[in-house]
């Protein structure tokens, strides 16, 4: 907000609206991260500040008759919340009705409607804001510390991408209701990104007390499945309507607390670790 107040005193205010809204998109991601970590009061404070930025950008756009910026201001406000009944949505919908250009007004209405439906689980092919509390947050955090996830030759980037992919273990867990997964984050990058799946994953069978550990979820499960599941008469796929969620995982962690306290390590083969990137190997050698 200090930056917005500073911008209000410049003679170039009309040119700053879109720049302010780009800041607001970053705030939306940060809010999602705060909510994910349980800092609800801080998230509410940032949401209020973000909405003020949207209102300021809309005021500038109104003075300079920029209908497209009014539309962008409304959409930026809807990204600040995951509740379609929130004040942000009410303000955005009211703002859209002040847009004079009919085509722009219709476009903004449709975008707000889509955002409301996204929050209800509807997926669109252009859903760039899908899963803002998961993959997109980690992608942005990785970029912020200089990791180029688009570089196929960067081993560290590939490790981060694997960890992001392993955030949702549905592909493994849906195979059997006796299976569950635990993770142990390792390394500085995992700490910086707060990425719990950047480390070893263990696939367990609570019924027969089997387990396999590996650096990738798919690799660990492939070994686990070949060693135990293929010939198991007790294999029982989960219901078709079963859905994975962080809440479900927390409940499972609590349910298996005693099991993990008594766990003595893998019963199956421990998979070889994924090689560290050369630059990190060099640093460890120096130490």
C-alpha atoms as a PDB file:
ATOM      1  CA  UNK A   1       0.000   0.000   0.000  1.00  0.00           C
ATOM      2  CA  UNK A   2       2.940   2.357   0.558  1.00  0.00           C
ATOM      3  CA  UNK A   3       3.853   1.877  -3.090  1.00  0.00           C
ATOM      4  CA  UNK A   4       0.273   2.645  -4.174  1.00  0.00           C
ATOM      5  CA  UNK A   5       0.235   5.779  -2.028  1.00  0.00           C
ATOM      6  CA  UNK A   6       3.505   6.893  -3.592  1.00  0.00           C
ATOM      7  CA  UNK A   7       2.072   6.270  -7.070  1.00  0.00           C
ATOM      8  CA  UNK A   8      -0.936   8.436  -6.219  1.00  0.00           C
ATOM      9  CA  UNK A   9       1.325  11.473  -5.954  1.00  0.00           C
ATOM     10  CA  UNK A  10       2.933  11.143  -9.384  1.00  0.00           C
ATOM     11  CA  UNK A  11       1.741  12.854 -12.582  1.00  0.00           C
ATOM     12  CA  UNK A  12       1.838   9.474 -14.385  1.00  0.00           C
ATOM     13  CA  UNK A  13      -0.895   7.782 -12.383  1.00  0.00           C
ATOM     14  CA  UNK A  14      -2.883   6.662 -15.433  1.00  0.00           C
ATOM     15  CA  UNK A  15       0.036   4.580 -16.671  1.00  0.00           C
ATOM     16  CA  UNK A  16       0.462   2.768 -13.361  1.00  0.00           C
ATOM     17  CA  UNK A  17      -2.827   0.878 -13.115  1.00  0.00           C
ATOM     18  CA  UNK A  18      -1.707  -2.302 -14.861  1.00  0.00           C
ATOM     19  CA  UNK A  19       1.621  -2.294 -13.035  1.00  0.00           C
ATOM     20  CA  UNK A  20      -0.217  -2.158  -9.700  1.00  0.00           C
ATOM     21  CA  UNK A  21      -2.475  -5.029 -10.766  1.00  0.00           C
ATOM     22  CA  UNK A  22       0.558  -7.169 -11.605  1.00  0.00           C
ATOM     23  CA  UNK A  23       1.702  -6.646  -8.013  1.00  0.00           C
ATOM     24  CA  UNK A  24      -1.755  -7.719  -6.899  1.00  0.00           C
ATOM     25  CA  UNK A  25      -1.444 -11.064  -8.693  1.00  0.00           C
ATOM     26  CA  UNK A  26       1.699 -11.770  -6.676  1.00  0.00           C
ATOM     27  CA  UNK A  27      -0.175 -10.784  -3.508  1.00  0.00           C
ATOM     28  CA  UNK A  28      -2.910 -13.291  -4.408  1.00  0.00           C
ATOM     29  CA  UNK A  29      -0.351 -16.105  -4.533  1.00  0.00           C
ATOM     30  CA  UNK A  30       1.146 -14.974  -1.229  1.00  0.00           C
ATOM     31  CA  UNK A  31      -2.314 -14.902   0.382  1.00  0.00           C
ATOM     32  CA  UNK A  32      -2.927 -18.470  -0.769  1.00  0.00           C
ATOM     33  CA  UNK A  33       0.379 -19.512   0.777  1.00  0.00           C
ATOM     34  CA  UNK A  34      -0.459 -17.809   4.082  1.00  0.00           C
ATOM     35  CA  UNK A  35      -3.842 -19.544   4.221  1.00  0.00           C
ATOM     36  CA  UNK A  36      -2.186 -22.852   3.384  1.00  0.00           C
ATOM     37  CA  UNK A  37       0.231 -22.356   6.317  1.00  0.00           C
ATOM     38  CA  UNK A  38      -2.597 -21.365   8.671  1.00  0.00           C
ATOM     39  CA  UNK A  39      -1.752 -17.642   9.004  1.00  0.00           C
ATOM     40  CA  UNK A  40      -5.353 -16.568   8.495  1.00  0.00           C
ATOM     41  CA  UNK A  41      -5.123 -13.133  10.125  1.00  0.00           C
ATOM     42  CA  UNK A  42      -2.118 -12.174   8.006  1.00  0.00           C
ATOM     43  CA  UNK A  43      -3.898 -13.489   4.905  1.00  0.00           C
ATOM     44  CA  UNK A  44      -6.963 -11.350   5.709  1.00  0.00           C
ATOM     45  CA  UNK A  45      -4.765  -8.265   6.147  1.00  0.00           C
ATOM     46  CA  UNK A  46      -3.045  -8.801   2.798  1.00  0.00           C
ATOM     47  CA  UNK A  47      -6.402  -9.436   1.146  1.00  0.00           C
ATOM     48  CA  UNK A  48      -7.681  -6.078   2.434  1.00  0.00           C
ATOM     49  CA  UNK A  49      -4.550  -4.341   1.130  1.00  0.00           C
ATOM     50  CA  UNK A  50      -4.858  -6.127  -2.203  1.00  0.00           C
ATOM     51  CA  UNK A  51      -8.465  -5.035  -2.566  1.00  0.00           C
ATOM     52  CA  UNK A  52      -7.429  -1.435  -1.858  1.00  0.00           C
ATOM     53  CA  UNK A  53      -4.882  -1.671  -4.666  1.00  0.00           C
ATOM     54  CA  UNK A  54      -7.613  -2.921  -7.016  1.00  0.00           C
ATOM     55  CA  UNK A  55      -9.865  -0.035  -6.004  1.00  0.00           C
ATOM     56  CA  UNK A  56      -7.051   2.462  -6.520  1.00  0.00           C
ATOM     57  CA  UNK A  57      -6.282   1.026  -9.976  1.00  0.00           C
ATOM     58  CA  UNK A  58      -9.993   1.182 -10.835  1.00  0.00           C
ATOM     59  CA  UNK A  59     -10.195   4.835  -9.729  1.00  0.00           C
ATOM     60  CA  UNK A  60      -7.271   5.706 -12.000  1.00  0.00           C
ATOM     61  CA  UNK A  61      -8.886   3.789 -14.865  1.00  0.00           C
ATOM     62  CA  UNK A  62     -12.190   5.588 -14.344  1.00  0.00           C
ATOM     63  CA  UNK A  63     -10.523   9.006 -14.566  1.00  0.00           C
ATOM     64  CA  UNK A  64      -8.667   8.035 -17.744  1.00  0.00           C
ATOM     65  CA  UNK A  65     -11.667   6.142 -19.243  1.00  0.00           C
ATOM     66  CA  UNK A  66      -9.788   2.831 -19.528  1.00  0.00           C
ATOM     67  CA  UNK A  67     -12.493   0.183 -19.671  1.00  0.00           C
ATOM     68  CA  UNK A  68     -10.006  -2.628 -20.178  1.00  0.00           C
ATOM     69  CA  UNK A  69      -8.191  -1.681 -16.966  1.00  0.00           C
ATOM     70  CA  UNK A  70     -11.496  -1.557 -15.082  1.00  0.00           C
ATOM     71  CA  UNK A  71     -12.118  -5.128 -16.219  1.00  0.00           C
ATOM     72  CA  UNK A  72      -8.622  -6.207 -15.144  1.00  0.00           C
ATOM     73  CA  UNK A  73      -9.109  -4.507 -11.751  1.00  0.00           C
ATOM     74  CA  UNK A  74     -12.292  -6.491 -11.184  1.00  0.00           C
ATOM     75  CA  UNK A  75     -10.639  -9.788 -12.130  1.00  0.00           C
ATOM     76  CA  UNK A  76      -7.605  -9.079  -9.943  1.00  0.00           C
ATOM     77  CA  UNK A  77      -9.928  -8.623  -6.958  1.00  0.00           C
ATOM     78  CA  UNK A  78     -11.552 -12.038  -7.484  1.00  0.00           C
ATOM     79  CA  UNK A  79      -8.139 -13.727  -7.284  1.00  0.00           C
ATOM     80  CA  UNK A  80      -7.662 -12.515  -3.707  1.00  0.00           C
ATOM     81  CA  UNK A  81     -10.182 -14.955  -2.235  1.00  0.00           C
ATOM     82  CA  UNK A  82     -11.412 -18.524  -2.561  1.00  0.00           C
ATOM     83  CA  UNK A  83     -14.921 -17.549  -1.442  1.00  0.00           C
ATOM     84  CA  UNK A  84     -17.230 -16.378  -4.228  1.00  0.00           C
ATOM     85  CA  UNK A  85     -19.448 -14.671  -1.615  1.00  0.00           C
ATOM     86  CA  UNK A  86     -16.538 -12.578  -0.349  1.00  0.00           C
ATOM     87  CA  UNK A  87     -16.495  -8.768  -0.502  1.00  0.00           C
ATOM     88  CA  UNK A  88     -13.906  -8.984  -3.293  1.00  0.00           C
ATOM     89  CA  UNK A  89     -16.411 -10.687  -5.612  1.00  0.00           C
ATOM     90  CA  UNK A  90     -19.219  -8.272  -4.686  1.00  0.00           C
ATOM     91  CA  UNK A  91     -17.021  -5.258  -5.420  1.00  0.00           C
ATOM     92  CA  UNK A  92     -15.740  -6.777  -8.675  1.00  0.00           C
ATOM     93  CA  UNK A  93     -19.253  -7.551  -9.947  1.00  0.00           C
ATOM     94  CA  UNK A  94     -20.439  -4.026  -9.141  1.00  0.00           C
ATOM     95  CA  UNK A  95     -17.395  -2.509 -10.859  1.00  0.00           C
ATOM     96  CA  UNK A  96     -17.987  -4.490 -14.040  1.00  0.00           C
ATOM     97  CA  UNK A  97     -21.441  -2.944 -14.397  1.00  0.00           C
ATOM     98  CA  UNK A  98     -19.827   0.528 -14.637  1.00  0.00           C
ATOM     99  CA  UNK A  99     -17.832  -0.438 -17.745  1.00  0.00           C
ATOM    100  CA  UNK A 100     -19.200   1.519 -20.685  1.00  0.00           C
ATOM    101  CA  UNK A 101     -17.964  -0.646 -23.537  1.00  0.00           C
ATOM    102  CA  UNK A 102     -20.474  -3.487 -23.962  1.00  0.00           C
ATOM    103  CA  UNK A 103     -17.985  -6.034 -25.318  1.00  0.00           C
ATOM    104  CA  UNK A 104     -15.505  -5.418 -22.471  1.00  0.00           C
ATOM    105  CA  UNK A 105     -18.314  -5.536 -19.917  1.00  0.00           C
ATOM    106  CA  UNK A 106     -19.534  -8.883 -21.264  1.00  0.00           C
ATOM    107  CA  UNK A 107     -15.971 -10.277 -21.290  1.00  0.00           C
ATOM    108  CA  UNK A 108     -15.428  -9.250 -17.650  1.00  0.00           C
ATOM    109  CA  UNK A 109     -18.767 -10.721 -16.543  1.00  0.00           C
ATOM    110  CA  UNK A 110     -17.894 -14.033 -18.178  1.00  0.00           C
ATOM    111  CA  UNK A 111     -14.435 -14.098 -16.570  1.00  0.00           C
ATOM    112  CA  UNK A 112     -15.867 -13.477 -13.108  1.00  0.00           C
ATOM    113  CA  UNK A 113     -18.461 -16.210 -13.683  1.00  0.00           C
ATOM    114  CA  UNK A 114     -15.687 -18.607 -14.664  1.00  0.00           C
ATOM    115  CA  UNK A 115     -13.640 -17.717 -11.610  1.00  0.00           C
ATOM    116  CA  UNK A 116     -16.659 -18.460  -9.399  1.00  0.00           C
ATOM    117  CA  UNK A 117     -17.035 -21.849 -11.072  1.00  0.00           C
ATOM    118  CA  UNK A 118     -13.311 -22.609 -10.747  1.00  0.00           C
ATOM    119  CA  UNK A 119     -13.669 -22.202  -6.997  1.00  0.00           C
ATOM    120  CA  UNK A 120     -16.432 -24.828  -7.163  1.00  0.00           C
ATOM    121  CA  UNK A 121     -14.122 -27.270  -8.951  1.00  0.00           C
ATOM    122  CA  UNK A 122     -14.984 -26.618 -12.606  1.00  0.00           C
ATOM    123  CA  UNK A 123     -11.863 -26.880 -14.795  1.00  0.00           C
ATOM    124  CA  UNK A 124     -11.393 -24.826 -17.969  1.00  0.00           C
ATOM    125  CA  UNK A 125      -8.718 -25.388 -20.594  1.00  0.00           C
ATOM    126  CA  UNK A 126      -7.392 -21.862 -19.963  1.00  0.00           C
ATOM    127  CA  UNK A 127      -7.414 -22.296 -16.183  1.00  0.00           C
ATOM    128  CA  UNK A 128      -4.095 -20.578 -15.476  1.00  0.00           C
ATOM    129  CA  UNK A 129      -5.045 -19.997 -11.849  1.00  0.00           C
ATOM    130  CA  UNK A 130      -5.963 -23.610 -11.165  1.00  0.00           C
ATOM    131  CA  UNK A 131      -4.473 -25.039  -7.993  1.00  0.00           C
ATOM    132  CA  UNK A 132      -3.092 -21.708  -6.818  1.00  0.00           C
ATOM    133  CA  UNK A 133      -2.427 -23.231  -3.376  1.00  0.00           C
ATOM    134  CA  UNK A 134      -0.290 -26.010  -4.813  1.00  0.00           C
ATOM    135  CA  UNK A 135       1.743 -26.302  -7.963  1.00  0.00           C
ATOM    136  CA  UNK A 136       1.645 -22.644  -8.996  1.00  0.00           C
ATOM    137  CA  UNK A 137       2.877 -21.469  -5.583  1.00  0.00           C
ATOM    138  CA  UNK A 138       5.902 -23.745  -5.674  1.00  0.00           C
ATOM    139  CA  UNK A 139       6.637 -22.865  -9.306  1.00  0.00           C
ATOM    140  CA  UNK A 140       6.721 -19.185  -8.401  1.00  0.00           C
ATOM    141  CA  UNK A 141       8.798 -19.787  -5.287  1.00  0.00           C
ATOM    142  CA  UNK A 142      11.319 -21.828  -7.289  1.00  0.00           C
ATOM    143  CA  UNK A 143      11.588 -19.070  -9.884  1.00  0.00           C
ATOM    144  CA  UNK A 144      12.111 -16.536  -7.095  1.00  0.00           C
ATOM    145  CA  UNK A 145      15.280 -18.320  -5.921  1.00  0.00           C
ATOM    146  CA  UNK A 146      16.633 -18.672  -9.460  1.00  0.00           C
ATOM    147  CA  UNK A 147      15.573 -22.208 -10.415  1.00  0.00           C
ATOM    148  CA  UNK A 148      14.594 -22.409 -14.086  1.00  0.00           C
ATOM    149  CA  UNK A 149      11.973 -25.152 -14.183  1.00  0.00           C
ATOM    150  CA  UNK A 150      11.817 -24.943 -17.981  1.00  0.00           C
ATOM    151  CA  UNK A 151      15.436 -26.125 -18.332  1.00  0.00           C
ATOM    152  CA  UNK A 152      15.405 -29.892 -19.031  1.00  0.00           C
ATOM    153  CA  UNK A 153      19.181 -30.086 -18.423  1.00  0.00           C
ATOM    154  CA  UNK A 154      18.989 -28.578 -14.921  1.00  0.00           C
ATOM    155  CA  UNK A 155      18.948 -31.538 -12.536  1.00  0.00           C
ATOM    156  CA  UNK A 156      17.895 -29.392  -9.601  1.00  0.00           C
ATOM    157  CA  UNK A 157      14.929 -28.088 -11.618  1.00  0.00           C
ATOM    158  CA  UNK A 158      13.959 -31.664 -12.463  1.00  0.00           C
ATOM    159  CA  UNK A 159      14.121 -32.600  -8.770  1.00  0.00           C
ATOM    160  CA  UNK A 160      11.785 -29.707  -7.934  1.00  0.00           C
ATOM    161  CA  UNK A 161       9.394 -30.690 -10.737  1.00  0.00           C
ATOM    162  CA  UNK A 162       9.350 -34.272  -9.473  1.00  0.00           C
ATOM    163  CA  UNK A 163       8.622 -33.051  -5.950  1.00  0.00           C
ATOM    164  CA  UNK A 164       5.776 -30.860  -7.224  1.00  0.00           C
ATOM    165  CA  UNK A 165       4.346 -33.823  -9.138  1.00  0.00           C
ATOM    166  CA  UNK A 166       4.550 -35.937  -5.971  1.00  0.00           C
ATOM    167  CA  UNK A 167       2.487 -33.451  -3.950  1.00  0.00           C
ATOM    168  CA  UNK A 168      -0.602 -35.381  -5.023  1.00  0.00           C
ATOM    169  CA  UNK A 169      -0.094 -39.139  -4.471  1.00  0.00           C
ATOM    170  CA  UNK A 170      -3.556 -40.082  -5.797  1.00  0.00           C
ATOM    171  CA  UNK A 171      -2.097 -42.205  -8.589  1.00  0.00           C
ATOM    172  CA  UNK A 172      -0.548 -44.491  -5.980  1.00  0.00           C
ATOM    173  CA  UNK A 173      -3.133 -44.402  -3.210  1.00  0.00           C
ATOM    174  CA  UNK A 174      -6.152 -45.151  -5.379  1.00  0.00           C
ATOM    175  CA  UNK A 175      -4.645 -48.549  -6.256  1.00  0.00           C
ATOM    176  CA  UNK A 176      -5.340 -49.984  -2.788  1.00  0.00           C
ATOM    177  CA  UNK A 177      -7.078 -48.842   0.374  1.00  0.00           C
ATOM    178  CA  UNK A 178      -4.321 -50.415   2.475  1.00  0.00           C
ATOM    179  CA  UNK A 179      -1.632 -48.177   0.945  1.00  0.00           C
ATOM    180  CA  UNK A 180      -0.388 -44.924   2.383  1.00  0.00           C
ATOM    181  CA  UNK A 181       2.555 -42.636   1.710  1.00  0.00           C
ATOM    182  CA  UNK A 182       4.934 -40.781   4.006  1.00  0.00           C
ATOM    183  CA  UNK A 183       7.567 -38.208   3.044  1.00  0.00           C
ATOM    184  CA  UNK A 184      10.757 -36.860   4.570  1.00  0.00           C
ATOM    185  CA  UNK A 185      11.919 -33.524   3.097  1.00  0.00           C
ATOM    186  CA  UNK A 186      15.676 -33.212   2.671  1.00  0.00           C
ATOM    187  CA  UNK A 187      18.126 -30.480   1.758  1.00  0.00           C
ATOM    188  CA  UNK A 188      18.307 -26.701   1.749  1.00  0.00           C
ATOM    189  CA  UNK A 189      16.171 -26.270  -1.372  1.00  0.00           C
ATOM    190  CA  UNK A 190      13.339 -28.269   0.217  1.00  0.00           C
ATOM    191  CA  UNK A 191      13.643 -26.000   3.251  1.00  0.00           C
ATOM    192  CA  UNK A 192      13.681 -22.794   1.198  1.00  0.00           C
ATOM    193  CA  UNK A 193      10.652 -23.858  -0.828  1.00  0.00           C
ATOM    194  CA  UNK A 194       8.906 -25.579   2.093  1.00  0.00           C
ATOM    195  CA  UNK A 195       8.369 -28.406  -0.384  1.00  0.00           C
ATOM    196  CA  UNK A 196       7.751 -31.520   1.761  1.00  0.00           C
ATOM    197  CA  UNK A 197       7.956 -33.995  -1.134  1.00  0.00           C
ATOM    198  CA  UNK A 198      11.481 -32.931  -2.162  1.00  0.00           C
ATOM    199  CA  UNK A 199      13.121 -35.839  -0.422  1.00  0.00           C
ATOM    200  CA  UNK A 200      12.490 -39.493   0.272  1.00  0.00           C
ATOM    201  CA  UNK A 201       9.041 -41.011  -0.093  1.00  0.00           C
ATOM    202  CA  UNK A 202       7.965 -44.259   1.492  1.00  0.00           C
ATOM    203  CA  UNK A 203       5.077 -46.360   0.194  1.00  0.00           C
ATOM    204  CA  UNK A 204       3.548 -48.533   2.931  1.00  0.00           C
ATOM    205  CA  UNK A 205       1.009 -51.317   3.268  1.00  0.00           C
ATOM    206  CA  UNK A 206      -0.727 -51.013   6.621  1.00  0.00           C
ATOM    207  CA  UNK A 207      -2.194 -54.518   6.352  1.00  0.00           C
ATOM    208  CA  UNK A 208       0.988 -56.514   5.740  1.00  0.00           C
ATOM    209  CA  UNK A 209       3.478 -53.952   7.101  1.00  0.00           C
ATOM    210  CA  UNK A 210       5.458 -53.754   3.858  1.00  0.00           C
ATOM    211  CA  UNK A 211       7.269 -50.614   2.731  1.00  0.00           C
ATOM    212  CA  UNK A 212       9.648 -49.324   0.065  1.00  0.00           C
ATOM    213  CA  UNK A 213      11.612 -46.049   0.149  1.00  0.00           C
ATOM    214  CA  UNK A 214      12.735 -44.003  -2.853  1.00  0.00           C
ATOM    215  CA  UNK A 215      13.483 -40.459  -3.998  1.00  0.00           C
ATOM    216  CA  UNK A 216      10.547 -40.432  -6.444  1.00  0.00           C
ATOM    217  CA  UNK A 217       7.022 -41.548  -5.666  1.00  0.00           C
ATOM    218  CA  UNK A 218       6.615 -43.335  -8.994  1.00  0.00           C
ATOM    219  CA  UNK A 219       9.901 -45.202  -8.584  1.00  0.00           C
ATOM    220  CA  UNK A 220       9.098 -46.242  -5.017  1.00  0.00           C
ATOM    221  CA  UNK A 221       5.630 -47.437  -5.974  1.00  0.00           C
ATOM    222  CA  UNK A 222       6.858 -49.299  -9.054  1.00  0.00           C
ATOM    223  CA  UNK A 223       9.253 -51.292  -6.844  1.00  0.00           C
ATOM    224  CA  UNK A 224       6.589 -51.733  -4.143  1.00  0.00           C
ATOM    225  CA  UNK A 225       4.006 -52.950  -6.648  1.00  0.00           C
ATOM    226  CA  UNK A 226       6.396 -55.435  -8.283  1.00  0.00           C
ATOM    227  CA  UNK A 227       7.544 -56.774  -4.909  1.00  0.00           C
ATOM    228  CA  UNK A 228       4.203 -57.046  -3.117  1.00  0.00           C
ATOM    229  CA  UNK A 229       1.033 -55.920  -4.888  1.00  0.00           C
ATOM    230  CA  UNK A 230       1.033 -58.028  -8.036  1.00  0.00           C
ATOM    231  CA  UNK A 231       0.567 -61.282  -6.105  1.00  0.00           C
ATOM    232  CA  UNK A 232      -1.375 -59.906  -3.129  1.00  0.00           C
ATOM    233  CA  UNK A 233      -4.854 -61.474  -2.644  1.00  0.00           C
ATOM    234  CA  UNK A 234      -5.880 -58.591  -0.364  1.00  0.00           C
ATOM    235  CA  UNK A 235      -5.393 -55.840  -2.925  1.00  0.00           C
ATOM    236  CA  UNK A 236      -8.462 -53.583  -2.738  1.00  0.00           C
ATOM    237  CA  UNK A 237      -8.759 -50.479  -4.976  1.00  0.00           C
ATOM    238  CA  UNK A 238     -10.396 -47.426  -3.417  1.00  0.00           C
ATOM    239  CA  UNK A 239     -13.928 -46.380  -4.369  1.00  0.00           C
ATOM    240  CA  UNK A 240     -14.256 -44.641  -7.745  1.00  0.00           C
ATOM    241  CA  UNK A 241     -15.492 -41.436  -6.130  1.00  0.00           C
ATOM    242  CA  UNK A 242     -12.535 -41.267  -3.697  1.00  0.00           C
ATOM    243  CA  UNK A 243     -10.624 -37.974  -3.854  1.00  0.00           C
ATOM    244  CA  UNK A 244      -7.291 -37.057  -2.319  1.00  0.00           C
ATOM    245  CA  UNK A 245      -7.031 -33.842  -0.296  1.00  0.00           C
ATOM    246  CA  UNK A 246      -4.634 -32.305   2.264  1.00  0.00           C
ATOM    247  CA  UNK A 247      -7.340 -32.812   4.900  1.00  0.00           C
ATOM    248  CA  UNK A 248      -7.577 -36.508   4.029  1.00  0.00           C
ATOM    249  CA  UNK A 249      -3.780 -36.783   4.275  1.00  0.00           C
ATOM    250  CA  UNK A 250      -3.726 -35.145   7.710  1.00  0.00           C
ATOM    251  CA  UNK A 251      -6.348 -37.583   8.950  1.00  0.00           C
ATOM    252  CA  UNK A 252      -4.320 -40.509   7.564  1.00  0.00           C
ATOM    253  CA  UNK A 253      -1.141 -39.221   9.219  1.00  0.00           C
ATOM    254  CA  UNK A 254      -2.952 -39.170  12.546  1.00  0.00           C
ATOM    255  CA  UNK A 255      -4.450 -42.614  11.973  1.00  0.00           C
ATOM    256  CA  UNK A 256      -1.038 -44.115  11.191  1.00  0.00           C
ATOM    257  CA  UNK A 257       0.821 -42.278  13.952  1.00  0.00           C
ATOM    258  CA  UNK A 258       1.374 -45.399  16.070  1.00  0.00           C
ATOM    259  CA  UNK A 259       2.395 -47.417  13.006  1.00  0.00           C
ATOM    260  CA  UNK A 260       5.057 -44.846  12.059  1.00  0.00           C
ATOM    261  CA  UNK A 261       6.356 -44.601  15.628  1.00  0.00           C
ATOM    262  CA  UNK A 262       7.072 -48.342  15.473  1.00  0.00           C
ATOM    263  CA  UNK A 263       8.293 -48.374  11.872  1.00  0.00           C
ATOM    264  CA  UNK A 264      11.817 -49.738  11.555  1.00  0.00           C
ATOM    265  CA  UNK A 265      12.487 -48.928   7.911  1.00  0.00           C
ATOM    266  CA  UNK A 266      11.737 -50.456   4.511  1.00  0.00           C
ATOM    267  CA  UNK A 267      11.053 -54.152   4.089  1.00  0.00           C
ATOM    268  CA  UNK A 268      11.705 -53.984   0.365  1.00  0.00           C
ATOM    269  CA  UNK A 269      14.696 -52.751  -1.654  1.00  0.00           C
ATOM    270  CA  UNK A 270      15.875 -49.212  -0.913  1.00  0.00           C
ATOM    271  CA  UNK A 271      16.121 -47.531  -4.292  1.00  0.00           C
ATOM    272  CA  UNK A 272      19.364 -45.760  -5.270  1.00  0.00           C
ATOM    273  CA  UNK A 273      19.195 -41.981  -4.714  1.00  0.00           C
ATOM    274  CA  UNK A 274      18.694 -39.574  -7.584  1.00  0.00           C
ATOM    275  CA  UNK A 275      22.134 -38.020  -8.367  1.00  0.00           C
ATOM    276  CA  UNK A 276      22.627 -34.503  -7.030  1.00  0.00           C
ATOM    277  CA  UNK A 277      23.280 -31.694  -9.505  1.00  0.00           C
ATOM    278  CA  UNK A 278      27.051 -31.268 -10.210  1.00  0.00           C
ATOM    279  CA  UNK A 279      27.245 -27.813  -8.594  1.00  0.00           C
ATOM    280  CA  UNK A 280      25.782 -29.142  -5.318  1.00  0.00           C
ATOM    281  CA  UNK A 281      28.095 -32.183  -5.433  1.00  0.00           C
ATOM    282  CA  UNK A 282      31.031 -29.790  -5.809  1.00  0.00           C
ATOM    283  CA  UNK A 283      29.971 -27.771  -2.778  1.00  0.00           C
ATOM    284  CA  UNK A 284      29.614 -30.913  -0.664  1.00  0.00           C
ATOM    285  CA  UNK A 285      33.070 -32.129  -1.778  1.00  0.00           C
ATOM    286  CA  UNK A 286      34.641 -28.825  -0.703  1.00  0.00           C
ATOM    287  CA  UNK A 287      33.129 -29.177   2.749  1.00  0.00           C
END
